[in-house]
């Protein structure tokens, strides 16, 4: 089983306290598994990944999860057999190793820990698995997240001000816009922006004019993306289906080069998401920080789109899952000497 090592530290040379391994944290999604060896100060000592997400296991059932875990970090488990192990993401879904049912909003790391599920490996090692979060407002539409709640816990641990009040945007296949107050997830909305883009580009009439493997010139890419954003800004109720068809007609009329059409589509869909997401921000206290969490390239694209709306994110964060898993472990009492409360001395910008 393949294993990708992206960073490492020698276990034998790790010193006392902050340099000594204290936790194995697993970010286990649909398509990939990432493992982090962490010390008692939430520092990542080593990081590994493989492609064995819950839908890509070598065999079905518990044996497949056991094999994926062993292939990723058997040596960590062997050298430090008493290290606690925690996991978050789709591994706790109904299709995962064991189901960790959703908790309802408001939710924080303590709520996640109090409602965690546990699975025992064949070797008798317990693994604590974080639940997802359900937001089900009275008279509204239910919404769920699984995995993002761990990233949010990690982000809020970086700055106590963010924990007090924040709006967190998480671009991706299913983008999330999350309202934070008093360190808790109070509510959120999901936008299928990334999935809509992929489906429309690959499986609809719109993609037929988009050449594969041909990149747009930087100036054409920018112009097309900006046009998509501007079109979304000018939209009236129900305009999106009509504006989507322009992805085709702009190509047919030669007003936009074929290789730029996907960037128009991207800008249009992101623009419509931002119109709704920023409306959520206006319902929060004035000056509420807006945080972006996700893939750096995608976050940069969202930052560019936000600028067109006259908004600048307070911070753009990378992978906050390791810190979030650490907070989850601390809240569960697996790191008894560590507080799960946000730090007031660290920030990320």
C-alpha atoms as a PDB file:
ATOM      1  CA  UNK A   1       0.000   0.000   0.000  1.00  0.00           C
ATOM      2  CA  UNK A   2       1.463   3.315  -1.058  1.00  0.00           C
ATOM      3  CA  UNK A   3       2.244   6.036   1.438  1.00  0.00           C
ATOM      4  CA  UNK A   4       3.151   9.643   0.719  1.00  0.00           C
ATOM      5  CA  UNK A   5       5.327  11.330   3.332  1.00  0.00           C
ATOM      6  CA  UNK A   6       5.091  15.101   3.063  1.00  0.00           C
ATOM      7  CA  UNK A   7       6.958  15.984   6.217  1.00  0.00           C
ATOM      8  CA  UNK A   8       8.675  14.021   8.913  1.00  0.00           C
ATOM      9  CA  UNK A   9      10.431  14.131  12.253  1.00  0.00           C
ATOM     10  CA  UNK A  10      12.495  11.504  14.024  1.00  0.00           C
ATOM     11  CA  UNK A  11      10.577   9.907  16.861  1.00  0.00           C
ATOM     12  CA  UNK A  12      13.757   8.757  18.534  1.00  0.00           C
ATOM     13  CA  UNK A  13      15.208  12.249  18.560  1.00  0.00           C
ATOM     14  CA  UNK A  14      12.041  13.992  19.740  1.00  0.00           C
ATOM     15  CA  UNK A  15      12.654  15.624  23.072  1.00  0.00           C
ATOM     16  CA  UNK A  16      10.434  15.976  26.084  1.00  0.00           C
ATOM     17  CA  UNK A  17       7.148  17.889  26.271  1.00  0.00           C
ATOM     18  CA  UNK A  18       6.534  19.883  23.081  1.00  0.00           C
ATOM     19  CA  UNK A  19       8.756  17.702  20.877  1.00  0.00           C
ATOM     20  CA  UNK A  20       7.396  14.354  22.028  1.00  0.00           C
ATOM     21  CA  UNK A  21       4.561  12.692  20.104  1.00  0.00           C
ATOM     22  CA  UNK A  22       1.277  13.102  21.954  1.00  0.00           C
ATOM     23  CA  UNK A  23      -1.408  12.343  19.356  1.00  0.00           C
ATOM     24  CA  UNK A  24      -2.105  10.643  16.043  1.00  0.00           C
ATOM     25  CA  UNK A  25      -4.733  12.650  14.161  1.00  0.00           C
ATOM     26  CA  UNK A  26      -6.477  11.295  11.051  1.00  0.00           C
ATOM     27  CA  UNK A  27      -8.293  13.434   8.491  1.00  0.00           C
ATOM     28  CA  UNK A  28     -10.184  10.660   6.679  1.00  0.00           C
ATOM     29  CA  UNK A  29     -12.258  11.770   3.735  1.00  0.00           C
ATOM     30  CA  UNK A  30     -13.997  10.239   0.752  1.00  0.00           C
ATOM     31  CA  UNK A  31     -10.990  10.045  -1.550  1.00  0.00           C
ATOM     32  CA  UNK A  32      -7.956  10.367   0.711  1.00  0.00           C
ATOM     33  CA  UNK A  33      -6.555   9.691   4.164  1.00  0.00           C
ATOM     34  CA  UNK A  34      -4.135  12.064   5.862  1.00  0.00           C
ATOM     35  CA  UNK A  35      -2.338  11.361   9.098  1.00  0.00           C
ATOM     36  CA  UNK A  36      -0.592  13.779  11.457  1.00  0.00           C
ATOM     37  CA  UNK A  37       1.763  12.942  14.289  1.00  0.00           C
ATOM     38  CA  UNK A  38       1.435  15.813  16.750  1.00  0.00           C
ATOM     39  CA  UNK A  39       3.112  16.899  19.945  1.00  0.00           C
ATOM     40  CA  UNK A  40       1.505  18.331  23.079  1.00  0.00           C
ATOM     41  CA  UNK A  41       1.639  21.870  21.684  1.00  0.00           C
ATOM     42  CA  UNK A  42      -0.400  21.003  18.565  1.00  0.00           C
ATOM     43  CA  UNK A  43       2.725  21.071  16.408  1.00  0.00           C
ATOM     44  CA  UNK A  44       2.769  18.617  13.501  1.00  0.00           C
ATOM     45  CA  UNK A  45       5.877  16.462  13.798  1.00  0.00           C
ATOM     46  CA  UNK A  46       5.154  14.347  10.724  1.00  0.00           C
ATOM     47  CA  UNK A  47       2.474  14.236   8.053  1.00  0.00           C
ATOM     48  CA  UNK A  48       1.522  11.463   5.652  1.00  0.00           C
ATOM     49  CA  UNK A  49      -1.214  10.777   3.140  1.00  0.00           C
ATOM     50  CA  UNK A  50      -2.505   8.084   0.845  1.00  0.00           C
ATOM     51  CA  UNK A  51      -5.406   7.653  -1.558  1.00  0.00           C
ATOM     52  CA  UNK A  52      -7.374   5.292   0.678  1.00  0.00           C
ATOM     53  CA  UNK A  53     -10.389   7.392   1.498  1.00  0.00           C
ATOM     54  CA  UNK A  54     -13.556   5.582   2.492  1.00  0.00           C
ATOM     55  CA  UNK A  55     -14.536   5.013  -1.149  1.00  0.00           C
ATOM     56  CA  UNK A  56     -11.123   3.738  -2.191  1.00  0.00           C
ATOM     57  CA  UNK A  57     -10.262   0.991   0.292  1.00  0.00           C
ATOM     58  CA  UNK A  58      -8.416  -2.187  -0.660  1.00  0.00           C
ATOM     59  CA  UNK A  59     -11.317  -4.290   0.614  1.00  0.00           C
ATOM     60  CA  UNK A  60     -14.771  -3.749   2.030  1.00  0.00           C
ATOM     61  CA  UNK A  61     -15.665  -3.381   5.666  1.00  0.00           C
ATOM     62  CA  UNK A  62     -13.512  -3.057   8.766  1.00  0.00           C
ATOM     63  CA  UNK A  63     -10.631  -4.949   7.153  1.00  0.00           C
ATOM     64  CA  UNK A  64     -10.271  -2.226   4.537  1.00  0.00           C
ATOM     65  CA  UNK A  65     -10.118   0.507   7.166  1.00  0.00           C
ATOM     66  CA  UNK A  66      -7.598  -1.509   9.192  1.00  0.00           C
ATOM     67  CA  UNK A  67      -5.390  -1.957   6.124  1.00  0.00           C
ATOM     68  CA  UNK A  68      -5.530   1.729   5.205  1.00  0.00           C
ATOM     69  CA  UNK A  69      -4.617   2.767   8.744  1.00  0.00           C
ATOM     70  CA  UNK A  70      -1.769   0.267   8.942  1.00  0.00           C
ATOM     71  CA  UNK A  71      -0.388   1.312   5.581  1.00  0.00           C
ATOM     72  CA  UNK A  72      -0.316   4.940   6.627  1.00  0.00           C
ATOM     73  CA  UNK A  73       1.086   4.879  10.152  1.00  0.00           C
ATOM     74  CA  UNK A  74       1.831   1.377  11.416  1.00  0.00           C
ATOM     75  CA  UNK A  75       5.297   2.473  12.545  1.00  0.00           C
ATOM     76  CA  UNK A  76       3.826   5.357  14.569  1.00  0.00           C
ATOM     77  CA  UNK A  77       1.434   2.934  16.240  1.00  0.00           C
ATOM     78  CA  UNK A  78       4.176   0.381  16.935  1.00  0.00           C
ATOM     79  CA  UNK A  79       6.741   2.797  18.353  1.00  0.00           C
ATOM     80  CA  UNK A  80       4.228   4.652  20.540  1.00  0.00           C
ATOM     81  CA  UNK A  81       1.514   2.079  21.356  1.00  0.00           C
ATOM     82  CA  UNK A  82      -0.169   4.275  23.983  1.00  0.00           C
ATOM     83  CA  UNK A  83      -0.666   7.329  21.776  1.00  0.00           C
ATOM     84  CA  UNK A  84      -4.319   8.362  21.506  1.00  0.00           C
ATOM     85  CA  UNK A  85      -5.789   8.301  17.996  1.00  0.00           C
ATOM     86  CA  UNK A  86      -8.593  10.559  16.777  1.00  0.00           C
ATOM     87  CA  UNK A  87     -10.235  10.839  13.373  1.00  0.00           C
ATOM     88  CA  UNK A  88     -12.586  13.196  11.602  1.00  0.00           C
ATOM     89  CA  UNK A  89     -14.314  13.385   8.250  1.00  0.00           C
ATOM     90  CA  UNK A  90     -16.270  10.839   6.245  1.00  0.00           C
ATOM     91  CA  UNK A  91     -14.824   7.971   8.289  1.00  0.00           C
ATOM     92  CA  UNK A  92     -17.634   8.778  10.721  1.00  0.00           C
ATOM     93  CA  UNK A  93     -20.400   8.736   8.096  1.00  0.00           C
ATOM     94  CA  UNK A  94     -22.914   5.948   7.549  1.00  0.00           C
ATOM     95  CA  UNK A  95     -20.507   4.565   4.921  1.00  0.00           C
ATOM     96  CA  UNK A  96     -17.489   4.922   7.223  1.00  0.00           C
ATOM     97  CA  UNK A  97     -15.756   2.681   9.722  1.00  0.00           C
ATOM     98  CA  UNK A  98     -18.390   3.441  12.360  1.00  0.00           C
ATOM     99  CA  UNK A  99     -21.156   6.014  12.204  1.00  0.00           C
ATOM    100  CA  UNK A 100     -20.825   9.074  14.419  1.00  0.00           C
ATOM    101  CA  UNK A 101     -24.318  10.644  14.201  1.00  0.00           C
ATOM    102  CA  UNK A 102     -24.680  14.369  13.625  1.00  0.00           C
ATOM    103  CA  UNK A 103     -24.882  16.756  16.544  1.00  0.00           C
ATOM    104  CA  UNK A 104     -27.150  19.788  16.230  1.00  0.00           C
ATOM    105  CA  UNK A 105     -26.124  23.428  16.299  1.00  0.00           C
ATOM    106  CA  UNK A 106     -24.858  25.188  18.310  1.00  0.00           C
ATOM    107  CA  UNK A 107     -21.751  23.015  18.430  1.00  0.00           C
ATOM    108  CA  UNK A 108     -18.103  23.310  19.413  1.00  0.00           C
ATOM    109  CA  UNK A 109     -15.183  20.950  20.092  1.00  0.00           C
ATOM    110  CA  UNK A 110     -16.628  19.962  23.464  1.00  0.00           C
ATOM    111  CA  UNK A 111     -19.979  19.018  21.948  1.00  0.00           C
ATOM    112  CA  UNK A 112     -18.164  17.004  19.277  1.00  0.00           C
ATOM    113  CA  UNK A 113     -16.105  15.203  21.911  1.00  0.00           C
ATOM    114  CA  UNK A 114     -19.123  14.481  24.116  1.00  0.00           C
ATOM    115  CA  UNK A 115     -20.895  12.844  21.170  1.00  0.00           C
ATOM    116  CA  UNK A 116     -17.964  11.079  19.547  1.00  0.00           C
ATOM    117  CA  UNK A 117     -18.105   7.495  18.335  1.00  0.00           C
ATOM    118  CA  UNK A 118     -15.397   4.935  19.024  1.00  0.00           C
ATOM    119  CA  UNK A 119     -14.094   1.999  17.050  1.00  0.00           C
ATOM    120  CA  UNK A 120     -11.655  -0.607  18.318  1.00  0.00           C
ATOM    121  CA  UNK A 121      -8.990  -1.884  15.946  1.00  0.00           C
ATOM    122  CA  UNK A 122      -8.168  -5.574  15.686  1.00  0.00           C
ATOM    123  CA  UNK A 123      -5.115  -4.863  17.845  1.00  0.00           C
ATOM    124  CA  UNK A 124      -7.315  -3.409  20.573  1.00  0.00           C
ATOM    125  CA  UNK A 125      -6.474   0.273  19.975  1.00  0.00           C
ATOM    126  CA  UNK A 126      -9.417   2.674  20.407  1.00  0.00           C
ATOM    127  CA  UNK A 127      -9.976   5.379  17.790  1.00  0.00           C
ATOM    128  CA  UNK A 128     -12.247   8.297  18.673  1.00  0.00           C
ATOM    129  CA  UNK A 129     -14.243   9.578  15.692  1.00  0.00           C
ATOM    130  CA  UNK A 130     -15.794  13.036  15.520  1.00  0.00           C
ATOM    131  CA  UNK A 131     -19.461  13.469  14.577  1.00  0.00           C
ATOM    132  CA  UNK A 132     -20.712  15.805  11.878  1.00  0.00           C
ATOM    133  CA  UNK A 133     -22.983  18.787  12.536  1.00  0.00           C
ATOM    134  CA  UNK A 134     -26.661  19.268  11.594  1.00  0.00           C
ATOM    135  CA  UNK A 135     -28.231  22.723  11.319  1.00  0.00           C
ATOM    136  CA  UNK A 136     -32.009  22.345  11.281  1.00  0.00           C
ATOM    137  CA  UNK A 137     -33.675  25.708  11.887  1.00  0.00           C
ATOM    138  CA  UNK A 138     -37.381  25.798  12.636  1.00  0.00           C
ATOM    139  CA  UNK A 139     -39.232  26.440   9.403  1.00  0.00           C
ATOM    140  CA  UNK A 140     -35.999  26.272   7.403  1.00  0.00           C
ATOM    141  CA  UNK A 141     -34.081  23.767   5.330  1.00  0.00           C
ATOM    142  CA  UNK A 142     -31.768  21.302   7.121  1.00  0.00           C
ATOM    143  CA  UNK A 143     -28.070  21.430   6.329  1.00  0.00           C
ATOM    144  CA  UNK A 144     -25.148  19.192   7.292  1.00  0.00           C
ATOM    145  CA  UNK A 145     -21.367  19.181   7.425  1.00  0.00           C
ATOM    146  CA  UNK A 146     -18.894  16.411   8.154  1.00  0.00           C
ATOM    147  CA  UNK A 147     -15.208  17.253   8.327  1.00  0.00           C
ATOM    148  CA  UNK A 148     -15.602  21.019   8.097  1.00  0.00           C
ATOM    149  CA  UNK A 149     -16.473  21.204  11.811  1.00  0.00           C
ATOM    150  CA  UNK A 150     -12.955  19.952  12.582  1.00  0.00           C
ATOM    151  CA  UNK A 151     -11.385  22.563  10.294  1.00  0.00           C
ATOM    152  CA  UNK A 152     -13.473  25.218  12.022  1.00  0.00           C
ATOM    153  CA  UNK A 153     -12.322  24.083  15.473  1.00  0.00           C
ATOM    154  CA  UNK A 154      -8.746  24.421  14.262  1.00  0.00           C
ATOM    155  CA  UNK A 155      -9.295  27.894  12.857  1.00  0.00           C
ATOM    156  CA  UNK A 156     -10.969  29.202  16.011  1.00  0.00           C
ATOM    157  CA  UNK A 157      -8.075  27.917  18.118  1.00  0.00           C
ATOM    158  CA  UNK A 158      -5.783  30.307  16.259  1.00  0.00           C
ATOM    159  CA  UNK A 159      -7.375  33.520  17.514  1.00  0.00           C
ATOM    160  CA  UNK A 160      -9.733  34.183  20.429  1.00  0.00           C
ATOM    161  CA  UNK A 161     -11.247  37.127  18.549  1.00  0.00           C
ATOM    162  CA  UNK A 162     -12.364  34.837  15.750  1.00  0.00           C
ATOM    163  CA  UNK A 163     -13.902  32.512  18.321  1.00  0.00           C
ATOM    164  CA  UNK A 164     -16.027  35.356  19.700  1.00  0.00           C
ATOM    165  CA  UNK A 165     -17.601  36.233  16.343  1.00  0.00           C
ATOM    166  CA  UNK A 166     -16.723  35.204  12.811  1.00  0.00           C
ATOM    167  CA  UNK A 167     -18.121  34.320   9.441  1.00  0.00           C
ATOM    168  CA  UNK A 168     -16.217  31.451   7.833  1.00  0.00           C
ATOM    169  CA  UNK A 169     -16.376  30.733   4.113  1.00  0.00           C
ATOM    170  CA  UNK A 170     -15.085  27.328   3.032  1.00  0.00           C
ATOM    171  CA  UNK A 171     -14.867  27.112  -0.781  1.00  0.00           C
ATOM    172  CA  UNK A 172     -14.989  23.678  -2.335  1.00  0.00           C
ATOM    173  CA  UNK A 173     -17.175  21.068  -3.969  1.00  0.00           C
ATOM    174  CA  UNK A 174     -19.855  21.926  -1.430  1.00  0.00           C
ATOM    175  CA  UNK A 175     -18.936  25.380  -0.136  1.00  0.00           C
ATOM    176  CA  UNK A 176     -19.954  26.269   3.412  1.00  0.00           C
ATOM    177  CA  UNK A 177     -20.748  29.664   4.904  1.00  0.00           C
ATOM    178  CA  UNK A 178     -20.681  29.373   8.676  1.00  0.00           C
ATOM    179  CA  UNK A 179     -21.782  31.698  11.483  1.00  0.00           C
ATOM    180  CA  UNK A 180     -19.645  31.597  14.633  1.00  0.00           C
ATOM    181  CA  UNK A 181     -20.508  33.120  18.016  1.00  0.00           C
ATOM    182  CA  UNK A 182     -18.977  32.424  21.431  1.00  0.00           C
ATOM    183  CA  UNK A 183     -16.725  29.751  19.942  1.00  0.00           C
ATOM    184  CA  UNK A 184     -19.650  27.725  18.590  1.00  0.00           C
ATOM    185  CA  UNK A 185     -21.055  26.913  15.161  1.00  0.00           C
ATOM    186  CA  UNK A 186     -24.429  28.636  15.299  1.00  0.00           C
ATOM    187  CA  UNK A 187     -25.606  27.936  11.763  1.00  0.00           C
ATOM    188  CA  UNK A 188     -24.406  27.436   8.208  1.00  0.00           C
ATOM    189  CA  UNK A 189     -25.451  27.176   4.575  1.00  0.00           C
ATOM    190  CA  UNK A 190     -24.065  24.885   1.886  1.00  0.00           C
ATOM    191  CA  UNK A 191     -23.656  25.888  -1.758  1.00  0.00           C
ATOM    192  CA  UNK A 192     -22.995  23.174  -4.368  1.00  0.00           C
ATOM    193  CA  UNK A 193     -20.828  25.569  -6.374  1.00  0.00           C
ATOM    194  CA  UNK A 194     -17.896  23.281  -7.099  1.00  0.00           C
ATOM    195  CA  UNK A 195     -20.056  20.286  -7.941  1.00  0.00           C
ATOM    196  CA  UNK A 196     -22.322  22.348 -10.203  1.00  0.00           C
ATOM    197  CA  UNK A 197     -19.288  23.638 -12.067  1.00  0.00           C
ATOM    198  CA  UNK A 198     -17.886  20.134 -12.555  1.00  0.00           C
ATOM    199  CA  UNK A 199     -21.201  18.624 -13.668  1.00  0.00           C
ATOM    200  CA  UNK A 200     -22.049  21.444 -16.065  1.00  0.00           C
ATOM    201  CA  UNK A 201     -18.580  21.455 -17.588  1.00  0.00           C
ATOM    202  CA  UNK A 202     -18.347  17.689 -18.059  1.00  0.00           C
ATOM    203  CA  UNK A 203     -21.920  16.534 -18.570  1.00  0.00           C
ATOM    204  CA  UNK A 204     -23.937  19.346 -20.130  1.00  0.00           C
ATOM    205  CA  UNK A 205     -24.267  21.221 -23.379  1.00  0.00           C
ATOM    206  CA  UNK A 206     -22.170  24.023 -21.903  1.00  0.00           C
ATOM    207  CA  UNK A 207     -18.990  21.986 -21.909  1.00  0.00           C
ATOM    208  CA  UNK A 208     -19.095  21.099 -25.605  1.00  0.00           C
ATOM    209  CA  UNK A 209     -17.431  24.338 -26.628  1.00  0.00           C
ATOM    210  CA  UNK A 210     -14.758  24.107 -23.907  1.00  0.00           C
ATOM    211  CA  UNK A 211     -11.576  22.558 -25.355  1.00  0.00           C
ATOM    212  CA  UNK A 212      -9.804  20.050 -23.123  1.00  0.00           C
ATOM    213  CA  UNK A 213      -6.158  20.654 -22.304  1.00  0.00           C
ATOM    214  CA  UNK A 214      -6.054  24.189 -23.684  1.00  0.00           C
ATOM    215  CA  UNK A 215      -5.380  27.012 -21.232  1.00  0.00           C
ATOM    216  CA  UNK A 216      -6.735  30.505 -21.661  1.00  0.00           C
ATOM    217  CA  UNK A 217      -4.410  33.458 -21.919  1.00  0.00           C
ATOM    218  CA  UNK A 218      -4.125  35.161 -18.506  1.00  0.00           C
ATOM    219  CA  UNK A 219      -5.886  38.274 -19.780  1.00  0.00           C
ATOM    220  CA  UNK A 220      -8.739  36.205 -21.289  1.00  0.00           C
ATOM    221  CA  UNK A 221      -9.079  34.158 -18.116  1.00  0.00           C
ATOM    222  CA  UNK A 222      -9.341  37.302 -15.998  1.00  0.00           C
ATOM    223  CA  UNK A 223     -11.813  38.981 -18.336  1.00  0.00           C
ATOM    224  CA  UNK A 224     -14.054  35.910 -18.501  1.00  0.00           C
ATOM    225  CA  UNK A 225     -14.033  35.350 -14.737  1.00  0.00           C
ATOM    226  CA  UNK A 226     -14.744  39.027 -14.076  1.00  0.00           C
ATOM    227  CA  UNK A 227     -17.591  38.962 -16.610  1.00  0.00           C
ATOM    228  CA  UNK A 228     -19.102  35.997 -14.795  1.00  0.00           C
ATOM    229  CA  UNK A 229     -18.887  37.836 -11.480  1.00  0.00           C
ATOM    230  CA  UNK A 230     -20.419  40.999 -12.948  1.00  0.00           C
ATOM    231  CA  UNK A 231     -23.223  39.006 -14.542  1.00  0.00           C
ATOM    232  CA  UNK A 232     -24.041  37.425 -11.188  1.00  0.00           C
ATOM    233  CA  UNK A 233     -23.992  40.839  -9.502  1.00  0.00           C
ATOM    234  CA  UNK A 234     -26.580  42.169 -11.941  1.00  0.00           C
ATOM    235  CA  UNK A 235     -28.862  39.142 -11.702  1.00  0.00           C
ATOM    236  CA  UNK A 236     -32.489  39.382 -10.762  1.00  0.00           C
ATOM    237  CA  UNK A 237     -34.561  36.640  -9.106  1.00  0.00           C
ATOM    238  CA  UNK A 238     -34.425  33.434 -11.142  1.00  0.00           C
ATOM    239  CA  UNK A 239     -31.823  34.719 -13.618  1.00  0.00           C
ATOM    240  CA  UNK A 240     -29.218  32.008 -13.031  1.00  0.00           C
ATOM    241  CA  UNK A 241     -30.574  29.417 -15.538  1.00  0.00           C
ATOM    242  CA  UNK A 242     -30.614  32.073 -18.272  1.00  0.00           C
ATOM    243  CA  UNK A 243     -27.163  33.345 -17.358  1.00  0.00           C
ATOM    244  CA  UNK A 244     -25.801  29.806 -17.416  1.00  0.00           C
ATOM    245  CA  UNK A 245     -26.816  29.432 -21.061  1.00  0.00           C
ATOM    246  CA  UNK A 246     -24.665  32.455 -21.876  1.00  0.00           C
ATOM    247  CA  UNK A 247     -21.674  30.167 -21.274  1.00  0.00           C
ATOM    248  CA  UNK A 248     -22.642  28.616 -24.620  1.00  0.00           C
ATOM    249  CA  UNK A 249     -23.825  31.696 -26.506  1.00  0.00           C
ATOM    250  CA  UNK A 250     -20.750  33.753 -25.618  1.00  0.00           C
ATOM    251  CA  UNK A 251     -18.740  31.045 -27.351  1.00  0.00           C
ATOM    252  CA  UNK A 252     -21.058  30.613 -30.330  1.00  0.00           C
ATOM    253  CA  UNK A 253     -21.020  34.362 -31.045  1.00  0.00           C
ATOM    254  CA  UNK A 254     -17.216  34.494 -30.648  1.00  0.00           C
ATOM    255  CA  UNK A 255     -17.501  37.102 -27.911  1.00  0.00           C
ATOM    256  CA  UNK A 256     -15.372  34.925 -25.676  1.00  0.00           C
ATOM    257  CA  UNK A 257     -12.622  32.464 -26.707  1.00  0.00           C
ATOM    258  CA  UNK A 258     -13.525  28.789 -26.098  1.00  0.00           C
ATOM    259  CA  UNK A 259     -10.731  28.254 -23.597  1.00  0.00           C
ATOM    260  CA  UNK A 260     -12.094  31.126 -21.460  1.00  0.00           C
ATOM    261  CA  UNK A 261     -15.677  29.854 -21.195  1.00  0.00           C
ATOM    262  CA  UNK A 262     -15.001  27.704 -18.119  1.00  0.00           C
ATOM    263  CA  UNK A 263     -13.708  30.797 -16.320  1.00  0.00           C
ATOM    264  CA  UNK A 264     -16.917  32.669 -17.121  1.00  0.00           C
ATOM    265  CA  UNK A 265     -18.901  29.730 -15.729  1.00  0.00           C
ATOM    266  CA  UNK A 266     -16.724  29.678 -12.616  1.00  0.00           C
ATOM    267  CA  UNK A 267     -17.133  33.401 -12.036  1.00  0.00           C
ATOM    268  CA  UNK A 268     -20.893  33.199 -12.560  1.00  0.00           C
ATOM    269  CA  UNK A 269     -21.401  30.387 -10.050  1.00  0.00           C
ATOM    270  CA  UNK A 270     -19.030  31.872  -7.452  1.00  0.00           C
ATOM    271  CA  UNK A 271     -20.672  35.268  -7.900  1.00  0.00           C
ATOM    272  CA  UNK A 272     -24.114  33.861  -7.150  1.00  0.00           C
ATOM    273  CA  UNK A 273     -22.715  32.055  -4.097  1.00  0.00           C
ATOM    274  CA  UNK A 274     -21.143  35.264  -2.802  1.00  0.00           C
ATOM    275  CA  UNK A 275     -24.393  37.195  -3.172  1.00  0.00           C
ATOM    276  CA  UNK A 276     -26.064  34.782  -0.773  1.00  0.00           C
ATOM    277  CA  UNK A 277     -23.039  34.221   1.467  1.00  0.00           C
ATOM    278  CA  UNK A 278     -22.346  37.908   1.984  1.00  0.00           C
ATOM    279  CA  UNK A 279     -26.008  38.426   2.850  1.00  0.00           C
ATOM    280  CA  UNK A 280     -25.393  36.116   5.808  1.00  0.00           C
ATOM    281  CA  UNK A 281     -22.454  38.296   6.843  1.00  0.00           C
ATOM    282  CA  UNK A 282     -24.649  41.412   6.899  1.00  0.00           C
ATOM    283  CA  UNK A 283     -26.832  39.717   9.543  1.00  0.00           C
ATOM    284  CA  UNK A 284     -23.842  39.486  11.906  1.00  0.00           C
ATOM    285  CA  UNK A 285     -22.386  42.273  14.086  1.00  0.00           C
ATOM    286  CA  UNK A 286     -20.542  45.047  12.265  1.00  0.00           C
ATOM    287  CA  UNK A 287     -16.853  44.287  11.840  1.00  0.00           C
ATOM    288  CA  UNK A 288     -17.312  40.508  12.043  1.00  0.00           C
ATOM    289  CA  UNK A 289     -14.166  38.867  10.620  1.00  0.00           C
ATOM    290  CA  UNK A 290     -14.549  36.947   7.363  1.00  0.00           C
ATOM    291  CA  UNK A 291     -12.242  33.925   7.175  1.00  0.00           C
ATOM    292  CA  UNK A 292     -11.491  31.777   4.146  1.00  0.00           C
ATOM    293  CA  UNK A 293     -10.501  28.149   4.721  1.00  0.00           C
ATOM    294  CA  UNK A 294      -9.605  25.789   1.910  1.00  0.00           C
ATOM    295  CA  UNK A 295      -7.363  25.074  -1.031  1.00  0.00           C
ATOM    296  CA  UNK A 296      -5.017  28.073  -1.468  1.00  0.00           C
ATOM    297  CA  UNK A 297      -5.656  28.426  -5.197  1.00  0.00           C
ATOM    298  CA  UNK A 298      -9.418  28.300  -4.775  1.00  0.00           C
ATOM    299  CA  UNK A 299      -9.300  30.723  -1.857  1.00  0.00           C
ATOM    300  CA  UNK A 300      -7.331  33.165  -4.003  1.00  0.00           C
ATOM    301  CA  UNK A 301     -10.053  32.933  -6.647  1.00  0.00           C
ATOM    302  CA  UNK A 302     -12.695  33.646  -4.006  1.00  0.00           C
ATOM    303  CA  UNK A 303     -10.645  36.570  -2.690  1.00  0.00           C
ATOM    304  CA  UNK A 304     -10.591  38.031  -6.182  1.00  0.00           C
ATOM    305  CA  UNK A 305     -14.344  37.594  -6.462  1.00  0.00           C
ATOM    306  CA  UNK A 306     -14.893  39.119  -3.013  1.00  0.00           C
ATOM    307  CA  UNK A 307     -12.895  42.171  -4.098  1.00  0.00           C
ATOM    308  CA  UNK A 308     -15.443  42.741  -6.854  1.00  0.00           C
ATOM    309  CA  UNK A 309     -18.068  42.858  -4.116  1.00  0.00           C
ATOM    310  CA  UNK A 310     -15.987  45.370  -2.151  1.00  0.00           C
ATOM    311  CA  UNK A 311     -15.024  42.852   0.537  1.00  0.00           C
ATOM    312  CA  UNK A 312     -11.584  41.766   1.765  1.00  0.00           C
ATOM    313  CA  UNK A 313     -11.228  38.590   3.833  1.00  0.00           C
ATOM    314  CA  UNK A 314      -9.728  39.054   7.274  1.00  0.00           C
ATOM    315  CA  UNK A 315      -7.565  35.957   6.813  1.00  0.00           C
ATOM    316  CA  UNK A 316      -7.007  33.113   4.376  1.00  0.00           C
ATOM    317  CA  UNK A 317      -6.163  29.881   6.155  1.00  0.00           C
ATOM    318  CA  UNK A 318      -4.723  26.660   4.830  1.00  0.00           C
ATOM    319  CA  UNK A 319      -5.222  23.217   6.330  1.00  0.00           C
ATOM    320  CA  UNK A 320      -6.633  23.745   9.819  1.00  0.00           C
ATOM    321  CA  UNK A 321      -7.728  20.107  10.252  1.00  0.00           C
ATOM    322  CA  UNK A 322      -4.684  19.002  12.325  1.00  0.00           C
ATOM    323  CA  UNK A 323      -5.235  21.767  14.866  1.00  0.00           C
ATOM    324  CA  UNK A 324      -8.946  20.982  14.913  1.00  0.00           C
ATOM    325  CA  UNK A 325      -8.325  17.296  15.580  1.00  0.00           C
ATOM    326  CA  UNK A 326      -5.987  18.337  18.387  1.00  0.00           C
ATOM    327  CA  UNK A 327      -8.755  20.491  19.909  1.00  0.00           C
ATOM    328  CA  UNK A 328     -11.180  17.593  19.585  1.00  0.00           C
ATOM    329  CA  UNK A 329      -8.734  15.254  21.361  1.00  0.00           C
ATOM    330  CA  UNK A 330      -8.135  17.790  24.116  1.00  0.00           C
ATOM    331  CA  UNK A 331     -11.865  18.292  24.645  1.00  0.00           C
ATOM    332  CA  UNK A 332     -12.263  14.513  24.898  1.00  0.00           C
ATOM    333  CA  UNK A 333      -9.698  14.376  27.701  1.00  0.00           C
ATOM    334  CA  UNK A 334      -7.170  12.434  25.647  1.00  0.00           C
ATOM    335  CA  UNK A 335      -4.605  15.179  26.277  1.00  0.00           C
ATOM    336  CA  UNK A 336      -5.388  15.936  29.926  1.00  0.00           C
ATOM    337  CA  UNK A 337      -2.688  18.574  30.379  1.00  0.00           C
ATOM    338  CA  UNK A 338      -3.861  20.547  27.333  1.00  0.00           C
ATOM    339  CA  UNK A 339      -6.664  23.090  27.276  1.00  0.00           C
ATOM    340  CA  UNK A 340      -9.078  22.980  24.323  1.00  0.00           C
ATOM    341  CA  UNK A 341      -9.796  26.698  24.586  1.00  0.00           C
ATOM    342  CA  UNK A 342      -8.662  29.054  21.795  1.00  0.00           C
ATOM    343  CA  UNK A 343      -5.303  30.731  22.151  1.00  0.00           C
ATOM    344  CA  UNK A 344      -5.288  34.494  22.456  1.00  0.00           C
ATOM    345  CA  UNK A 345      -1.659  34.828  21.439  1.00  0.00           C
ATOM    346  CA  UNK A 346      -1.589  33.154  18.023  1.00  0.00           C
ATOM    347  CA  UNK A 347      -3.125  34.383  14.788  1.00  0.00           C
ATOM    348  CA  UNK A 348      -2.895  33.606  11.087  1.00  0.00           C
ATOM    349  CA  UNK A 349      -3.170  36.127   8.338  1.00  0.00           C
END
